[in-house]
Amino acid sequence: RLIENIRLLEKRTMIKCTIIIIKNEEQLFSIINDINILFLDIEL
């Protein structure tokens, strides 16, 4: 659902978004300096 909404946002803003699915903390912190926006669930 988040991906669908982000794709709609792309069309509204004309901004290309590269979507990255985070699987664990290690992956997240390996690329954190390259992330502009992070959608974060509280309960993981």
All heavy atoms as atom14 arrays in JSON, in Angstrom:
{
  "sequence": "RLIENIRLLEKRTMIKCTIIIIKNEEQLFSIINDINILFLDIEL",
  "atom14_mask": [
    [1, 1, 1, 1, 1, 1, 1, 1, 1, 1, 1, 0, 0, 0],
    [1, 1, 1, 1, 1, 1, 1, 1, 0, 0, 0, 0, 0, 0],
    [1, 1, 1, 1, 1, 1, 1, 1, 0, 0, 0, 0, 0, 0],
    [1, 1, 1, 1, 1, 1, 1, 1, 1, 0, 0, 0, 0, 0],
    [1, 1, 1, 1, 1, 1, 1, 1, 0, 0, 0, 0, 0, 0],
    [1, 1, 1, 1, 1, 1, 1, 1, 0, 0, 0, 0, 0, 0],
    [1, 1, 1, 1, 1, 1, 1, 1, 1, 1, 1, 0, 0, 0],
    [1, 1, 1, 1, 1, 1, 1, 1, 0, 0, 0, 0, 0, 0],
    [1, 1, 1, 1, 1, 1, 1, 1, 0, 0, 0, 0, 0, 0],
    [1, 1, 1, 1, 1, 1, 1, 1, 1, 0, 0, 0, 0, 0],
    [1, 1, 1, 1, 1, 1, 1, 1, 1, 0, 0, 0, 0, 0],
    [1, 1, 1, 1, 1, 1, 1, 1, 1, 1, 1, 0, 0, 0],
    [1, 1, 1, 1, 1, 1, 1, 0, 0, 0, 0, 0, 0, 0],
    [1, 1, 1, 1, 1, 1, 1, 1, 0, 0, 0, 0, 0, 0],
    [1, 1, 1, 1, 1, 1, 1, 1, 0, 0, 0, 0, 0, 0],
    [1, 1, 1, 1, 1, 1, 1, 1, 1, 0, 0, 0, 0, 0],
    [1, 1, 1, 1, 1, 1, 0, 0, 0, 0, 0, 0, 0, 0],
    [1, 1, 1, 1, 1, 1, 1, 0, 0, 0, 0, 0, 0, 0],
    [1, 1, 1, 1, 1, 1, 1, 1, 0, 0, 0, 0, 0, 0],
    [1, 1, 1, 1, 1, 1, 1, 1, 0, 0, 0, 0, 0, 0],
    [1, 1, 1, 1, 1, 1, 1, 1, 0, 0, 0, 0, 0, 0],
    [1, 1, 1, 1, 1, 1, 1, 1, 0, 0, 0, 0, 0, 0],
    [1, 1, 1, 1, 1, 1, 1, 1, 1, 0, 0, 0, 0, 0],
    [1, 1, 1, 1, 1, 1, 1, 1, 0, 0, 0, 0, 0, 0],
    [1, 1, 1, 1, 1, 1, 1, 1, 1, 0, 0, 0, 0, 0],
    [1, 1, 1, 1, 1, 1, 1, 1, 1, 0, 0, 0, 0, 0],
    [1, 1, 1, 1, 1, 1, 1, 1, 1, 0, 0, 0, 0, 0],
    [1, 1, 1, 1, 1, 1, 1, 1, 0, 0, 0, 0, 0, 0],
    [1, 1, 1, 1, 1, 1, 1, 1, 1, 1, 1, 0, 0, 0],
    [1, 1, 1, 1, 1, 1, 0, 0, 0, 0, 0, 0, 0, 0],
    [1, 1, 1, 1, 1, 1, 1, 1, 0, 0, 0, 0, 0, 0],
    [1, 1, 1, 1, 1, 1, 1, 1, 0, 0, 0, 0, 0, 0],
    [1, 1, 1, 1, 1, 1, 1, 1, 0, 0, 0, 0, 0, 0],
    [1, 1, 1, 1, 1, 1, 1, 1, 0, 0, 0, 0, 0, 0],
    [1, 1, 1, 1, 1, 1, 1, 1, 0, 0, 0, 0, 0, 0],
    [1, 1, 1, 1, 1, 1, 1, 1, 0, 0, 0, 0, 0, 0],
    [1, 1, 1, 1, 1, 1, 1, 1, 0, 0, 0, 0, 0, 0],
    [1, 1, 1, 1, 1, 1, 1, 1, 0, 0, 0, 0, 0, 0],
    [1, 1, 1, 1, 1, 1, 1, 1, 1, 1, 1, 0, 0, 0],
    [1, 1, 1, 1, 1, 1, 1, 1, 0, 0, 0, 0, 0, 0],
    [1, 1, 1, 1, 1, 1, 1, 1, 0, 0, 0, 0, 0, 0],
    [1, 1, 1, 1, 1, 1, 1, 1, 0, 0, 0, 0, 0, 0],
    [1, 1, 1, 1, 1, 1, 1, 1, 1, 0, 0, 0, 0, 0],
    [1, 1, 1, 1, 1, 1, 1, 1, 0, 0, 0, 0, 0, 0]
  ],
  "atom14_positions": [
    [[0.83, -1.2, 0.0], [0.0, 0.0, 0.0], [0.87, 1.26, 0.0], [0.57, 2.24, -0.68], [-0.93, 0.0, 1.21], [-1.97, 1.13, 1.2], [-2.97, 0.97, 2.32], [-3.96, 2.03, 2.31], [-5.06, 2.02, 1.57], [-5.29, 0.99, 0.76], [-5.91, 3.02, 1.61], [0.0, 0.0, 0.0], [0.0, 0.0, 0.0], [0.0, 0.0, 0.0]],
    [[1.96, 1.22, 0.74], [2.89, 2.34, 0.77], [3.5, 2.57, -0.62], [3.6, 3.71, -1.09], [4.01, 2.09, 1.78], [3.87, 2.72, 3.16], [4.98, 2.24, 4.07], [3.87, 4.23, 3.08], [0.0, 0.0, 0.0], [0.0, 0.0, 0.0], [0.0, 0.0, 0.0], [0.0, 0.0, 0.0], [0.0, 0.0, 0.0], [0.0, 0.0, 0.0]],
    [[3.9, 1.49, -1.26], [4.49, 1.59, -2.6], [3.5, 2.21, -3.59], [3.85, 3.08, -4.38], [4.97, 0.21, -3.1], [6.15, -0.27, -2.24], [5.38, 0.27, -4.57], [6.56, -1.71, -2.5], [0.0, 0.0, 0.0], [0.0, 0.0, 0.0], [0.0, 0.0, 0.0], [0.0, 0.0, 0.0], [0.0, 0.0, 0.0], [0.0, 0.0, 0.0]],
    [[2.24, 1.77, -3.52], [1.2, 2.33, -4.39], [1.04, 3.83, -4.17], [0.94, 4.61, -5.13], [-0.13, 1.62, -4.13], [-0.19, 0.18, -4.62], [-1.46, -0.53, -4.18], [-2.34, 0.14, -3.56], [-1.59, -1.74, -4.42], [0.0, 0.0, 0.0], [0.0, 0.0, 0.0], [0.0, 0.0, 0.0], [0.0, 0.0, 0.0], [0.0, 0.0, 0.0]],
    [[1.03, 4.25, -2.91], [0.88, 5.67, -2.6], [2.09, 6.48, -3.04], [1.95, 7.62, -3.51], [0.65, 5.85, -1.1], [-0.78, 5.51, -0.68], [-1.72, 5.85, -1.38], [-0.93, 4.84, 0.43], [0.0, 0.0, 0.0], [0.0, 0.0, 0.0], [0.0, 0.0, 0.0], [0.0, 0.0, 0.0], [0.0, 0.0, 0.0], [0.0, 0.0, 0.0]],
    [[3.28, 5.91, -2.91], [4.49, 6.62, -3.35], [4.48, 6.8, -4.86], [4.87, 7.85, -5.37], [5.76, 5.85, -2.89], [5.88, 5.91, -1.37], [7.01, 6.43, -3.54], [6.9, 4.94, -0.8], [0.0, 0.0, 0.0], [0.0, 0.0, 0.0], [0.0, 0.0, 0.0], [0.0, 0.0, 0.0], [0.0, 0.0, 0.0], [0.0, 0.0, 0.0]],
    [[4.02, 5.78, -5.58], [3.93, 5.9, -7.05], [2.93, 6.98, -7.46], [3.14, 7.71, -8.44], [3.55, 4.55, -7.67], [4.61, 3.46, -7.53], [5.95, 3.91, -8.03], [6.98, 2.87, -7.91], [8.27, 3.1, -7.9], [8.72, 4.35, -7.96], [9.14, 2.12, -7.81], [0.0, 0.0, 0.0], [0.0, 0.0, 0.0], [0.0, 0.0, 0.0]],
    [[1.83, 7.09, -6.71], [0.87, 8.16, -6.98], [1.5, 9.52, -6.69], [1.28, 10.49, -7.43], [-0.38, 7.98, -6.11], [-1.37, 6.88, -6.54], [-2.45, 6.7, -5.47], [-2.01, 7.23, -7.88], [0.0, 0.0, 0.0], [0.0, 0.0, 0.0], [0.0, 0.0, 0.0], [0.0, 0.0, 0.0], [0.0, 0.0, 0.0], [0.0, 0.0, 0.0]],
    [[2.29, 9.58, -5.62], [2.97, 10.83, -5.26], [3.94, 11.25, -6.36], [4.06, 12.44, -6.66], [3.72, 10.63, -3.94], [4.42, 11.86, -3.35], [3.39, 12.9, -2.92], [5.29, 11.46, -2.17], [0.0, 0.0, 0.0], [0.0, 0.0, 0.0], [0.0, 0.0, 0.0], [0.0, 0.0, 0.0], [0.0, 0.0, 0.0], [0.0, 0.0, 0.0]],
    [[4.62, 10.29, -6.96], [5.53, 10.58, -8.07], [4.81, 11.29, -9.2], [5.3, 12.28, -9.76], [6.12, 9.28, -8.62], [7.27, 8.71, -7.85], [7.87, 7.5, -8.54], [7.11, 6.57, -8.88], [9.08, 7.49, -8.77], [0.0, 0.0, 0.0], [0.0, 0.0, 0.0], [0.0, 0.0, 0.0], [0.0, 0.0, 0.0], [0.0, 0.0, 0.0]],
    [[3.62, 10.81, -9.54], [2.84, 11.41, -10.64], [2.39, 12.82, -10.29], [2.37, 13.7, -11.14], [1.62, 10.54, -10.94], [1.98, 9.18, -11.53], [0.74, 8.33, -11.77], [1.11, 6.96, -12.32], [-0.09, 6.09, -12.5], [0.0, 0.0, 0.0], [0.0, 0.0, 0.0], [0.0, 0.0, 0.0], [0.0, 0.0, 0.0], [0.0, 0.0, 0.0]],
    [[2.05, 13.04, -9.01], [1.57, 14.35, -8.58], [2.7, 15.38, -8.53], [2.49, 16.56, -8.81], [0.93, 14.25, -7.19], [-0.37, 13.47, -7.15], [-1.52, 14.28, -7.74], [-2.77, 13.55, -7.63], [-3.61, 13.68, -6.6], [-3.32, 14.5, -5.61], [-4.73, 12.99, -6.58], [0.0, 0.0, 0.0], [0.0, 0.0, 0.0], [0.0, 0.0, 0.0]],
    [[3.89, 14.94, -8.14], [5.0, 15.88, -7.93], [6.02, 15.88, -9.06], [6.89, 16.75, -9.11], [5.74, 15.54, -6.62], [6.27, 14.21, -6.72], [4.81, 15.66, -5.43], [0.0, 0.0, 0.0], [0.0, 0.0, 0.0], [0.0, 0.0, 0.0], [0.0, 0.0, 0.0], [0.0, 0.0, 0.0], [0.0, 0.0, 0.0], [0.0, 0.0, 0.0]],
    [[5.91, 14.9, -9.98], [6.87, 14.76, -11.09], [8.28, 14.52, -10.57], [9.27, 14.88, -11.21], [6.84, 16.0, -11.99], [5.48, 16.31, -12.59], [4.84, 14.99, -13.64], [5.93, 15.14, -15.06], [0.0, 0.0, 0.0], [0.0, 0.0, 0.0], [0.0, 0.0, 0.0], [0.0, 0.0, 0.0], [0.0, 0.0, 0.0], [0.0, 0.0, 0.0]],
    [[8.39, 13.88, -9.43], [9.7, 13.55, -8.85], [9.88, 12.04, -8.85], [9.03, 11.3, -8.35], [9.81, 14.09, -7.41], [9.82, 15.62, -7.43], [11.06, 13.56, -6.71], [9.72, 16.25, -6.07], [0.0, 0.0, 0.0], [0.0, 0.0, 0.0], [0.0, 0.0, 0.0], [0.0, 0.0, 0.0], [0.0, 0.0, 0.0], [0.0, 0.0, 0.0]],
    [[10.99, 11.59, -9.42], [11.27, 10.17, -9.49], [11.77, 9.66, -8.14], [12.71, 10.22, -7.57], [12.33, 9.91, -10.57], [12.79, 8.46, -10.66], [11.67, 7.53, -11.06], [12.18, 6.1, -11.18], [11.06, 5.14, -11.4], [0.0, 0.0, 0.0], [0.0, 0.0, 0.0], [0.0, 0.0, 0.0], [0.0, 0.0, 0.0], [0.0, 0.0, 0.0]],
    [[11.14, 8.59, -7.65], [11.54, 8.0, -6.37], [12.1, 6.6, -6.59], [11.46, 5.76, -7.24], [10.34, 7.9, -5.43], [9.66, 9.5, -4.94], [0.0, 0.0, 0.0], [0.0, 0.0, 0.0], [0.0, 0.0, 0.0], [0.0, 0.0, 0.0], [0.0, 0.0, 0.0], [0.0, 0.0, 0.0], [0.0, 0.0, 0.0], [0.0, 0.0, 0.0]],
    [[13.28, 6.37, -6.07], [13.84, 5.02, -6.05], [13.46, 4.39, -4.72], [13.88, 4.87, -3.66], [15.38, 5.06, -6.18], [15.72, 5.67, -7.42], [15.96, 3.66, -6.12], [0.0, 0.0, 0.0], [0.0, 0.0, 0.0], [0.0, 0.0, 0.0], [0.0, 0.0, 0.0], [0.0, 0.0, 0.0], [0.0, 0.0, 0.0], [0.0, 0.0, 0.0]],
    [[12.63, 3.35, -4.76], [12.11, 2.73, -3.54], [13.0, 1.56, -3.12], [13.31, 0.68, -3.92], [10.66, 2.26, -3.74], [9.75, 3.45, -4.09], [10.15, 1.55, -2.49], [8.32, 3.06, -4.42], [0.0, 0.0, 0.0], [0.0, 0.0, 0.0], [0.0, 0.0, 0.0], [0.0, 0.0, 0.0], [0.0, 0.0, 0.0], [0.0, 0.0, 0.0]],
    [[13.41, 1.6, -1.86], [14.27, 0.55, -1.3], [13.53, -0.11, -0.15], [13.1, 0.56, 0.79], [15.6, 1.15, -0.78], [16.29, 1.97, -1.88], [16.52, 0.06, -0.26], [17.29, 2.97, -1.37], [0.0, 0.0, 0.0], [0.0, 0.0, 0.0], [0.0, 0.0, 0.0], [0.0, 0.0, 0.0], [0.0, 0.0, 0.0], [0.0, 0.0, 0.0]],
    [[13.37, -1.42, -0.22], [12.72, -2.16, 0.85], [13.78, -2.62, 1.84], [14.72, -3.34, 1.48], [11.95, -3.38, 0.3], [10.92, -2.95, -0.76], [11.28, -4.15, 1.44], [9.87, -1.99, -0.25], [0.0, 0.0, 0.0], [0.0, 0.0, 0.0], [0.0, 0.0, 0.0], [0.0, 0.0, 0.0], [0.0, 0.0, 0.0], [0.0, 0.0, 0.0]],
    [[13.65, -2.17, 3.09], [14.61, -2.51, 4.12], [14.18, -3.8, 4.82], [13.05, -3.92, 5.28], [14.73, -1.38, 5.17], [15.12, -0.05, 4.48], [15.73, -1.74, 6.25], [16.47, -0.05, 3.81], [0.0, 0.0, 0.0], [0.0, 0.0, 0.0], [0.0, 0.0, 0.0], [0.0, 0.0, 0.0], [0.0, 0.0, 0.0], [0.0, 0.0, 0.0]],
    [[15.12, -4.74, 4.92], [14.81, -6.04, 5.53], [15.32, -6.15, 6.97], [14.77, -6.91, 7.76], [15.39, -7.18, 4.68], [14.85, -7.22, 3.26], [15.36, -8.45, 2.54], [14.99, -8.46, 1.06], [13.59, -8.21, 0.78], [0.0, 0.0, 0.0], [0.0, 0.0, 0.0], [0.0, 0.0, 0.0], [0.0, 0.0, 0.0], [0.0, 0.0, 0.0]],
    [[16.37, -5.38, 7.3], [16.93, -5.47, 8.64], [17.74, -4.21, 8.97], [18.0, -3.39, 8.08], [17.79, -6.72, 8.82], [18.83, -6.86, 7.72], [19.63, -5.95, 7.5], [18.81, -7.99, 7.01], [0.0, 0.0, 0.0], [0.0, 0.0, 0.0], [0.0, 0.0, 0.0], [0.0, 0.0, 0.0], [0.0, 0.0, 0.0], [0.0, 0.0, 0.0]],
    [[18.15, -4.09, 10.24], [18.91, -2.92, 10.68], [20.25, -2.8, 9.96], [20.67, -1.7, 9.6], [19.18, -3.01, 12.19], [18.02, -2.63, 13.06], [18.42, -2.56, 14.52], [19.08, -1.57, 14.91], [18.08, -3.5, 15.26], [0.0, 0.0, 0.0], [0.0, 0.0, 0.0], [0.0, 0.0, 0.0], [0.0, 0.0, 0.0], [0.0, 0.0, 0.0]],
    [[20.9, -3.92, 9.76], [22.22, -3.9, 9.11], [22.14, -3.27, 7.72], [22.96, -2.43, 7.34], [22.78, -5.32, 9.02], [24.2, -5.38, 8.47], [24.73, -6.8, 8.4], [24.02, -7.75, 8.82], [25.85, -6.97, 7.91], [0.0, 0.0, 0.0], [0.0, 0.0, 0.0], [0.0, 0.0, 0.0], [0.0, 0.0, 0.0], [0.0, 0.0, 0.0]],
    [[21.13, -3.68, 6.96], [20.94, -3.11, 5.62], [20.64, -1.62, 5.7], [21.19, -0.82, 4.94], [19.8, -3.83, 4.9], [19.51, -3.26, 3.5], [18.16, -3.69, 2.95], [17.4, -4.39, 3.63], [17.86, -3.27, 1.74], [0.0, 0.0, 0.0], [0.0, 0.0, 0.0], [0.0, 0.0, 0.0], [0.0, 0.0, 0.0], [0.0, 0.0, 0.0]],
    [[19.78, -1.25, 6.66], [19.39, 0.15, 6.81], [20.59, 1.04, 7.07], [20.78, 2.06, 6.39], [18.38, 0.29, 7.95], [17.97, 1.72, 8.34], [17.26, 2.42, 7.17], [17.08, 1.72, 9.57], [0.0, 0.0, 0.0], [0.0, 0.0, 0.0], [0.0, 0.0, 0.0], [0.0, 0.0, 0.0], [0.0, 0.0, 0.0], [0.0, 0.0, 0.0]],
    [[21.42, 0.66, 8.03], [22.55, 1.53, 8.4], [23.69, 1.49, 7.39], [24.54, 2.37, 7.4], [23.04, 1.18, 9.81], [22.1, 1.65, 10.88], [21.32, 0.75, 11.59], [21.96, 3.01, 11.14], [20.43, 1.19, 12.56], [21.07, 3.46, 12.11], [20.31, 2.55, 12.82], [0.0, 0.0, 0.0], [0.0, 0.0, 0.0], [0.0, 0.0, 0.0]],
    [[23.68, 0.5, 6.52], [24.7, 0.47, 5.46], [24.43, 1.5, 4.37], [25.33, 1.89, 3.64], [24.78, -0.93, 4.84], [23.62, -1.22, 4.07], [0.0, 0.0, 0.0], [0.0, 0.0, 0.0], [0.0, 0.0, 0.0], [0.0, 0.0, 0.0], [0.0, 0.0, 0.0], [0.0, 0.0, 0.0], [0.0, 0.0, 0.0], [0.0, 0.0, 0.0]],
    [[23.16, 1.97, 4.28], [22.81, 2.94, 3.22], [22.14, 4.19, 3.77], [21.67, 5.03, 3.0], [21.86, 2.29, 2.17], [20.56, 1.8, 2.84], [22.55, 1.15, 1.44], [19.49, 1.37, 1.86], [0.0, 0.0, 0.0], [0.0, 0.0, 0.0], [0.0, 0.0, 0.0], [0.0, 0.0, 0.0], [0.0, 0.0, 0.0], [0.0, 0.0, 0.0]],
    [[22.14, 4.35, 5.11], [21.35, 5.43, 5.72], [21.73, 6.82, 5.21], [20.87, 7.7, 5.07], [21.46, 5.38, 7.27], [20.45, 6.34, 7.91], [22.87, 5.67, 7.73], [19.01, 6.07, 7.58], [0.0, 0.0, 0.0], [0.0, 0.0, 0.0], [0.0, 0.0, 0.0], [0.0, 0.0, 0.0], [0.0, 0.0, 0.0], [0.0, 0.0, 0.0]],
    [[22.99, 7.04, 4.89], [23.41, 8.37, 4.42], [22.91, 8.7, 3.03], [22.98, 9.85, 2.6], [24.93, 8.5, 4.49], [25.43, 8.66, 5.91], [24.88, 9.43, 6.69], [26.46, 7.9, 6.27], [0.0, 0.0, 0.0], [0.0, 0.0, 0.0], [0.0, 0.0, 0.0], [0.0, 0.0, 0.0], [0.0, 0.0, 0.0], [0.0, 0.0, 0.0]],
    [[22.41, 7.69, 2.32], [21.9, 7.9, 0.96], [20.37, 7.98, 0.93], [19.79, 8.17, -0.14], [22.36, 6.76, 0.04], [23.86, 6.72, -0.12], [24.47, 7.8, -0.21], [24.43, 5.61, -0.13], [0.0, 0.0, 0.0], [0.0, 0.0, 0.0], [0.0, 0.0, 0.0], [0.0, 0.0, 0.0], [0.0, 0.0, 0.0], [0.0, 0.0, 0.0]],
    [[19.73, 7.84, 2.09], [18.27, 7.84, 2.13], [17.74, 9.25, 2.39], [18.17, 9.92, 3.32], [17.76, 6.88, 3.22], [18.13, 5.44, 2.88], [16.24, 6.99, 3.37], [17.76, 4.44, 3.95], [0.0, 0.0, 0.0], [0.0, 0.0, 0.0], [0.0, 0.0, 0.0], [0.0, 0.0, 0.0], [0.0, 0.0, 0.0], [0.0, 0.0, 0.0]],
    [[16.81, 9.68, 1.56], [16.18, 11.0, 1.73], [14.93, 10.92, 2.6], [14.71, 11.78, 3.45], [15.81, 11.59, 0.37], [16.98, 11.64, -0.58], [16.94, 11.11, -1.67], [18.06, 12.29, -0.17], [0.0, 0.0, 0.0], [0.0, 0.0, 0.0], [0.0, 0.0, 0.0], [0.0, 0.0, 0.0], [0.0, 0.0, 0.0], [0.0, 0.0, 0.0]],
    [[14.11, 9.88, 2.38], [12.88, 9.69, 3.15], [12.8, 8.23, 3.6], [13.03, 7.32, 2.8], [11.63, 10.05, 2.32], [11.61, 11.55, 1.99], [10.36, 9.68, 3.07], [10.45, 11.96, 1.09], [0.0, 0.0, 0.0], [0.0, 0.0, 0.0], [0.0, 0.0, 0.0], [0.0, 0.0, 0.0], [0.0, 0.0, 0.0], [0.0, 0.0, 0.0]],
    [[12.48, 8.04, 4.88], [12.33, 6.68, 5.4], [10.95, 6.52, 6.03], [10.58, 7.26, 6.94], [13.4, 6.39, 6.46], [13.21, 5.09, 7.26], [13.36, 3.87, 6.35], [14.19, 5.02, 8.43], [0.0, 0.0, 0.0], [0.0, 0.0, 0.0], [0.0, 0.0, 0.0], [0.0, 0.0, 0.0], [0.0, 0.0, 0.0], [0.0, 0.0, 0.0]],
    [[10.19, 5.55, 5.52], [8.91, 5.19, 6.14], [9.21, 4.08, 7.14], [9.67, 3.0, 6.77], [7.91, 4.71, 5.08], [7.4, 5.81, 4.2], [8.01, 6.08, 2.98], [6.32, 6.6, 4.59], [7.56, 7.11, 2.17], [5.87, 7.63, 3.8], [6.48, 7.88, 2.58], [0.0, 0.0, 0.0], [0.0, 0.0, 0.0], [0.0, 0.0, 0.0]],
    [[8.95, 4.37, 8.42], [9.37, 3.47, 9.5], [8.19, 3.02, 10.34], [7.49, 3.84, 10.93], [10.4, 4.21, 10.37], [10.93, 3.48, 11.61], [11.75, 2.25, 11.2], [11.78, 4.43, 12.45], [0.0, 0.0, 0.0], [0.0, 0.0, 0.0], [0.0, 0.0, 0.0], [0.0, 0.0, 0.0], [0.0, 0.0, 0.0], [0.0, 0.0, 0.0]],
    [[7.99, 1.71, 10.4], [6.97, 1.16, 11.29], [7.54, 1.15, 12.71], [8.74, 0.97, 12.9], [6.6, -0.27, 10.86], [5.35, -0.78, 11.56], [4.78, -0.04, 12.38], [4.94, -1.92, 11.28], [0.0, 0.0, 0.0], [0.0, 0.0, 0.0], [0.0, 0.0, 0.0], [0.0, 0.0, 0.0], [0.0, 0.0, 0.0], [0.0, 0.0, 0.0]],
    [[6.69, 1.37, 13.7], [7.15, 1.39, 15.08], [7.38, -0.02, 15.61], [8.36, -0.3, 16.28], [6.12, 2.1, 15.99], [6.02, 3.58, 15.6], [6.51, 1.98, 17.45], [7.27, 4.38, 15.83], [0.0, 0.0, 0.0], [0.0, 0.0, 0.0], [0.0, 0.0, 0.0], [0.0, 0.0, 0.0], [0.0, 0.0, 0.0], [0.0, 0.0, 0.0]],
    [[6.47, -0.94, 15.26], [6.57, -2.31, 15.75], [7.15, -3.21, 14.66], [6.5, -3.55, 13.68], [5.2, -2.81, 16.19], [4.65, -2.02, 17.38], [3.34, -2.58, 17.89], [2.57, -3.1, 17.07], [3.09, -2.49, 19.11], [0.0, 0.0, 0.0], [0.0, 0.0, 0.0], [0.0, 0.0, 0.0], [0.0, 0.0, 0.0], [0.0, 0.0, 0.0]],
    [[8.42, -3.58, 14.86], [9.14, -4.38, 13.87], [9.68, -5.66, 14.51], [10.87, -5.98, 14.39], [10.29, -3.57, 13.27], [9.9, -2.35, 12.43], [11.08, -1.41, 12.27], [9.38, -2.79, 11.07], [0.0, 0.0, 0.0], [0.0, 0.0, 0.0], [0.0, 0.0, 0.0], [0.0, 0.0, 0.0], [0.0, 0.0, 0.0], [0.0, 0.0, 0.0]]
  ]
}
